[in-house]
């Protein structure tokens, strides 16, 4: 299934989900998008959002 179709399928009924399931759904979509973007990027390339992820991880003690 194509990324677009996966994302659309996850969003069916999204507004009827509880907050925690909405967050989980959005995180799954984000993970799929990141995988797709990193698969398209040449090795060693810094892709958009990499700096944001690093900043988030620094604040979490990760």
PDB file of N, CA and C in Angstrom:
ATOM      1  N   UNK A   1       0.851  -1.172   0.000  1.00  0.00           N
ATOM      2  CA  UNK A   1       0.000   0.000   0.000  1.00  0.00           C
ATOM      3  C   UNK A   1       0.897   1.235   0.000  1.00  0.00           C
ATOM      4  N   UNK A   2       0.551   2.199  -0.830  1.00  0.00           N
ATOM      5  CA  UNK A   2       1.328   3.433  -0.936  1.00  0.00           C
ATOM      6  C   UNK A   2       1.193   4.267   0.334  1.00  0.00           C
ATOM      7  N   UNK A   3       2.186   5.086   0.588  1.00  0.00           N
ATOM      8  CA  UNK A   3       2.199   5.927   1.780  1.00  0.00           C
ATOM      9  C   UNK A   3       0.941   6.784   1.880  1.00  0.00           C
ATOM     10  N   UNK A   4       0.536   7.353   0.759  1.00  0.00           N
ATOM     11  CA  UNK A   4      -0.670   8.190   0.765  1.00  0.00           C
ATOM     12  C   UNK A   4      -1.891   7.382   1.211  1.00  0.00           C
ATOM     13  N   UNK A   5      -2.037   6.185   0.682  1.00  0.00           N
ATOM     14  CA  UNK A   5      -3.187   5.352   1.045  1.00  0.00           C
ATOM     15  C   UNK A   5      -3.123   4.924   2.513  1.00  0.00           C
ATOM     16  N   UNK A   6      -1.928   4.635   3.012  1.00  0.00           N
ATOM     17  CA  UNK A   6      -1.772   4.285   4.430  1.00  0.00           C
ATOM     18  C   UNK A   6      -2.192   5.450   5.317  1.00  0.00           C
ATOM     19  N   UNK A   7      -1.755   6.640   4.943  1.00  0.00           N
ATOM     20  CA  UNK A   7      -2.084   7.827   5.732  1.00  0.00           C
ATOM     21  C   UNK A   7      -3.587   8.087   5.700  1.00  0.00           C
ATOM     22  N   UNK A   8      -4.181   7.993   4.514  1.00  0.00           N
ATOM     23  CA  UNK A   8      -5.620   8.203   4.398  1.00  0.00           C
ATOM     24  C   UNK A   8      -6.392   7.182   5.238  1.00  0.00           C
ATOM     25  N   UNK A   9      -5.963   5.938   5.217  1.00  0.00           N
ATOM     26  CA  UNK A   9      -6.641   4.891   5.984  1.00  0.00           C
ATOM     27  C   UNK A   9      -6.555   5.173   7.484  1.00  0.00           C
ATOM     28  N   UNK A  10      -5.412   5.687   7.940  1.00  0.00           N
ATOM     29  CA  UNK A  10      -5.261   5.994   9.363  1.00  0.00           C
ATOM     30  C   UNK A  10      -6.160   7.156   9.787  1.00  0.00           C
ATOM     31  N   UNK A  11      -6.466   8.044   8.853  1.00  0.00           N
ATOM     32  CA  UNK A  11      -7.249   9.233   9.193  1.00  0.00           C
ATOM     33  C   UNK A  11      -8.755   9.019   9.123  1.00  0.00           C
ATOM     34  N   UNK A  12      -9.195   7.878   8.622  1.00  0.00           N
ATOM     35  CA  UNK A  12     -10.627   7.593   8.591  1.00  0.00           C
ATOM     36  C   UNK A  12     -11.131   7.507  10.031  1.00  0.00           C
ATOM     37  N   UNK A  13     -12.095   8.312  10.367  1.00  0.00           N
ATOM     38  CA  UNK A  13     -12.652   8.321  11.709  1.00  0.00           C
ATOM     39  C   UNK A  13     -11.754   8.964  12.758  1.00  0.00           C
ATOM     40  N   UNK A  14     -10.710   9.655  12.317  1.00  0.00           N
ATOM     41  CA  UNK A  14      -9.742  10.255  13.240  1.00  0.00           C
ATOM     42  C   UNK A  14     -10.418  11.157  14.272  1.00  0.00           C
ATOM     43  N   UNK A  15     -11.372  11.964  13.819  1.00  0.00           N
ATOM     44  CA  UNK A  15     -12.019  12.917  14.722  1.00  0.00           C
ATOM     45  C   UNK A  15     -12.896  12.247  15.777  1.00  0.00           C
ATOM     46  N   UNK A  16     -13.168  10.967  15.602  1.00  0.00           N
ATOM     47  CA  UNK A  16     -13.974  10.240  16.582  1.00  0.00           C
ATOM     48  C   UNK A  16     -13.118   9.496  17.607  1.00  0.00           C
ATOM     49  N   UNK A  17     -11.816   9.505  17.413  1.00  0.00           N
ATOM     50  CA  UNK A  17     -10.905   8.834  18.341  1.00  0.00           C
ATOM     51  C   UNK A  17     -10.682   9.691  19.583  1.00  0.00           C
ATOM     52  N   UNK A  18     -10.347   9.038  20.672  1.00  0.00           N
ATOM     53  CA  UNK A  18      -9.957   9.756  21.878  1.00  0.00           C
ATOM     54  C   UNK A  18      -8.614  10.422  21.659  1.00  0.00           C
ATOM     55  N   UNK A  19      -8.276  11.342  22.528  1.00  0.00           N
ATOM     56  CA  UNK A  19      -7.042  12.117  22.383  1.00  0.00           C
ATOM     57  C   UNK A  19      -5.803  11.233  22.323  1.00  0.00           C
ATOM     58  N   UNK A  20      -5.721  10.225  23.181  1.00  0.00           N
ATOM     59  CA  UNK A  20      -4.523   9.382  23.193  1.00  0.00           C
ATOM     60  C   UNK A  20      -4.392   8.588  21.893  1.00  0.00           C
ATOM     61  N   UNK A  21      -5.498   8.139  21.332  1.00  0.00           N
ATOM     62  CA  UNK A  21      -5.434   7.420  20.056  1.00  0.00           C
ATOM     63  C   UNK A  21      -5.121   8.366  18.906  1.00  0.00           C
ATOM     64  N   UNK A  22      -5.571   9.613  18.993  1.00  0.00           N
ATOM     65  CA  UNK A  22      -5.209  10.588  17.967  1.00  0.00           C
ATOM     66  C   UNK A  22      -3.704  10.832  17.982  1.00  0.00           C
ATOM     67  N   UNK A  23      -3.140  10.987  19.178  1.00  0.00           N
ATOM     68  CA  UNK A  23      -1.692  11.205  19.302  1.00  0.00           C
ATOM     69  C   UNK A  23      -0.940   9.999  18.751  1.00  0.00           C
ATOM     70  N   UNK A  24      -1.372   8.800  19.105  1.00  0.00           N
ATOM     71  CA  UNK A  24      -0.726   7.583  18.618  1.00  0.00           C
ATOM     72  C   UNK A  24      -0.796   7.499  17.089  1.00  0.00           C
ATOM     73  N   UNK A  25      -1.938   7.863  16.534  1.00  0.00           N
ATOM     74  CA  UNK A  25      -2.114   7.843  15.080  1.00  0.00           C
ATOM     75  C   UNK A  25      -1.186   8.848  14.415  1.00  0.00           C
ATOM     76  N   UNK A  26      -1.111  10.048  14.955  1.00  0.00           N
ATOM     77  CA  UNK A  26      -0.231  11.066  14.381  1.00  0.00           C
ATOM     78  C   UNK A  26       1.239  10.665  14.481  1.00  0.00           C
ATOM     79  N   UNK A  27       1.623  10.026  15.569  1.00  0.00           N
ATOM     80  CA  UNK A  27       3.012   9.556  15.704  1.00  0.00           C
ATOM     81  C   UNK A  27       3.322   8.462  14.688  1.00  0.00           C
ATOM     82  N   UNK A  28       2.364   7.588  14.437  1.00  0.00           N
ATOM     83  CA  UNK A  28       2.568   6.534  13.438  1.00  0.00           C
ATOM     84  C   UNK A  28       2.702   7.135  12.043  1.00  0.00           C
ATOM     85  N   UNK A  29       1.881   8.135  11.746  1.00  0.00           N
ATOM     86  CA  UNK A  29       1.979   8.817  10.450  1.00  0.00           C
ATOM     87  C   UNK A  29       3.332   9.506  10.328  1.00  0.00           C
ATOM     88  N   UNK A  30       3.753  10.196  11.391  1.00  0.00           N
ATOM     89  CA  UNK A  30       5.050  10.873  11.383  1.00  0.00           C
ATOM     90  C   UNK A  30       6.184   9.875  11.141  1.00  0.00           C
ATOM     91  N   UNK A  31       6.129   8.732  11.803  1.00  0.00           N
ATOM     92  CA  UNK A  31       7.171   7.712  11.634  1.00  0.00           C
ATOM     93  C   UNK A  31       7.207   7.214  10.190  1.00  0.00           C
ATOM     94  N   UNK A  32       6.045   6.999   9.610  1.00  0.00           N
ATOM     95  CA  UNK A  32       5.988   6.557   8.205  1.00  0.00           C
ATOM     96  C   UNK A  32       6.580   7.608   7.283  1.00  0.00           C
ATOM     97  N   UNK A  33       6.252   8.866   7.515  1.00  0.00           N
ATOM     98  CA  UNK A  33       6.786   9.945   6.681  1.00  0.00           C
ATOM     99  C   UNK A  33       8.297  10.066   6.829  1.00  0.00           C
ATOM    100  N   UNK A  34       8.782   9.945   8.052  1.00  0.00           N
ATOM    101  CA  UNK A  34      10.238  10.022   8.269  1.00  0.00           C
ATOM    102  C   UNK A  34      10.961   8.877   7.564  1.00  0.00           C
ATOM    103  N   UNK A  35      10.399   7.665   7.651  1.00  0.00           N
ATOM    104  CA  UNK A  35      11.003   6.518   6.955  1.00  0.00           C
ATOM    105  C   UNK A  35      11.032   6.760   5.450  1.00  0.00           C
ATOM    106  N   UNK A  36       9.933   7.264   4.917  1.00  0.00           N
ATOM    107  CA  UNK A  36       9.866   7.522   3.480  1.00  0.00           C
ATOM    108  C   UNK A  36      10.877   8.588   3.066  1.00  0.00           C
ATOM    109  N   UNK A  37      10.988   9.648   3.862  1.00  0.00           N
ATOM    110  CA  UNK A  37      11.937  10.705   3.532  1.00  0.00           C
ATOM    111  C   UNK A  37      13.379  10.225   3.632  1.00  0.00           C
ATOM    112  N   UNK A  38      13.683   9.451   4.652  1.00  0.00           N
ATOM    113  CA  UNK A  38      15.063   8.984   4.813  1.00  0.00           C
ATOM    114  C   UNK A  38      15.416   7.955   3.750  1.00  0.00           C
ATOM    115  N   UNK A  39      14.444   7.217   3.253  1.00  0.00           N
ATOM    116  CA  UNK A  39      14.706   6.251   2.184  1.00  0.00           C
ATOM    117  C   UNK A  39      15.038   6.972   0.881  1.00  0.00           C
ATOM    118  N   UNK A  40      14.480   8.175   0.692  1.00  0.00           N
ATOM    119  CA  UNK A  40      14.723   8.949  -0.524  1.00  0.00           C
ATOM    120  C   UNK A  40      16.016   9.748  -0.468  1.00  0.00           C
ATOM    121  N   UNK A  41      16.514  10.017   0.740  1.00  0.00           N
ATOM    122  CA  UNK A  41      17.697  10.862   0.895  1.00  0.00           C
ATOM    123  C   UNK A  41      18.966  10.042   0.696  1.00  0.00           C
ATOM    124  N   UNK A  42      19.945  10.601  -0.007  1.00  0.00           N
ATOM    125  CA  UNK A  42      21.227   9.920  -0.136  1.00  0.00           C
ATOM    126  C   UNK A  42      21.874   9.752   1.238  1.00  0.00           C
ATOM    127  N   UNK A  43      22.681   8.717   1.401  1.00  0.00           N
ATOM    128  CA  UNK A  43      23.352   8.453   2.669  1.00  0.00           C
ATOM    129  C   UNK A  43      24.199   9.642   3.087  1.00  0.00           C
ATOM    130  N   UNK A  44      24.121  10.014   4.361  1.00  0.00           N
ATOM    131  CA  UNK A  44      24.902  11.120   4.895  1.00  0.00           C
ATOM    132  C   UNK A  44      24.258  12.477   4.731  1.00  0.00           C
ATOM    133  N   UNK A  45      23.091  12.511   4.106  1.00  0.00           N
ATOM    134  CA  UNK A  45      22.403  13.781   3.901  1.00  0.00           C
ATOM    135  C   UNK A  45      21.615  14.153   5.147  1.00  0.00           C
ATOM    136  N   UNK A  46      21.720  15.395   5.556  1.00  0.00           N
ATOM    137  CA  UNK A  46      20.907  15.881   6.666  1.00  0.00           C
ATOM    138  C   UNK A  46      19.582  16.312   6.055  1.00  0.00           C
ATOM    139  N   UNK A  47      18.514  15.709   6.540  1.00  0.00           N
ATOM    140  CA  UNK A  47      17.203  16.003   5.972  1.00  0.00           C
ATOM    141  C   UNK A  47      16.424  16.961   6.856  1.00  0.00           C
ATOM    142  N   UNK A  48      15.400  17.627   6.288  1.00  0.00           N
ATOM    143  CA  UNK A  48      14.612  18.566   7.064  1.00  0.00           C
ATOM    144  C   UNK A  48      14.058  17.904   8.326  1.00  0.00           C
ATOM    145  N   UNK A  49      14.120  18.611   9.426  1.00  0.00           N
ATOM    146  CA  UNK A  49      13.600  18.089  10.681  1.00  0.00           C
ATOM    147  C   UNK A  49      14.659  17.400  11.529  1.00  0.00           C
ATOM    148  N   UNK A  50      15.811  17.128  10.982  1.00  0.00           N
ATOM    149  CA  UNK A  50      16.856  16.437  11.747  1.00  0.00           C
ATOM    150  C   UNK A  50      17.293  17.278  12.943  1.00  0.00           C
ATOM    151  N   UNK A  51      17.429  18.572  12.733  1.00  0.00           N
ATOM    152  CA  UNK A  51      17.832  19.453  13.820  1.00  0.00           C
ATOM    153  C   UNK A  51      16.729  19.532  14.875  1.00  0.00           C
ATOM    154  N   UNK A  52      15.479  19.546  14.449  1.00  0.00           N
ATOM    155  CA  UNK A  52      14.359  19.581  15.375  1.00  0.00           C
ATOM    156  C   UNK A  52      14.338  18.326  16.231  1.00  0.00           C
ATOM    157  N   UNK A  53      14.560  17.164  15.618  1.00  0.00           N
ATOM    158  CA  UNK A  53      14.583  15.903  16.355  1.00  0.00           C
ATOM    159  C   UNK A  53      15.700  15.910  17.378  1.00  0.00           C
ATOM    160  N   UNK A  54      16.870  16.397  16.987  1.00  0.00           N
ATOM    161  CA  UNK A  54      17.996  16.461  17.918  1.00  0.00           C
ATOM    162  C   UNK A  54      17.666  17.354  19.099  1.00  0.00           C
ATOM    163  N   UNK A  55      17.047  18.487  18.839  1.00  0.00           N
ATOM    164  CA  UNK A  55      16.677  19.399  19.916  1.00  0.00           C
ATOM    165  C   UNK A  55      15.687  18.756  20.870  1.00  0.00           C
ATOM    166  N   UNK A  56      14.712  18.039  20.333  1.00  0.00           N
ATOM    167  CA  UNK A  56      13.727  17.363  21.167  1.00  0.00           C
ATOM    168  C   UNK A  56      14.392  16.313  22.040  1.00  0.00           C
ATOM    169  N   UNK A  57      15.319  15.544  21.462  1.00  0.00           N
ATOM    170  CA  UNK A  57      15.976  14.474  22.181  1.00  0.00           C
ATOM    171  C   UNK A  57      16.878  15.014  23.285  1.00  0.00           C
ATOM    172  N   UNK A  58      17.499  16.151  23.052  1.00  0.00           N
ATOM    173  CA  UNK A  58      18.370  16.736  24.072  1.00  0.00           C
ATOM    174  C   UNK A  58      17.567  17.105  25.311  1.00  0.00           C
ATOM    175  N   UNK A  59      16.352  17.588  25.134  1.00  0.00           N
ATOM    176  CA  UNK A  59      15.518  17.985  26.264  1.00  0.00           C
ATOM    177  C   UNK A  59      14.968  16.801  27.019  1.00  0.00           C
ATOM    178  N   UNK A  60      14.930  15.626  26.401  1.00  0.00           N
ATOM    179  CA  UNK A  60      14.366  14.433  27.041  1.00  0.00           C
ATOM    180  C   UNK A  60      15.419  13.595  27.741  1.00  0.00           C
ATOM    181  N   UNK A  61      16.646  14.001  27.669  1.00  0.00           N
ATOM    182  CA  UNK A  61      17.698  13.200  28.268  1.00  0.00           C
ATOM    183  C   UNK A  61      18.014  11.958  27.445  1.00  0.00           C
ATOM    184  N   UNK A  62      17.581  11.954  26.196  1.00  0.00           N
ATOM    185  CA  UNK A  62      17.816  10.801  25.323  1.00  0.00           C
ATOM    186  C   UNK A  62      19.172  10.900  24.667  1.00  0.00           C
TER     187      UNK A  62
END
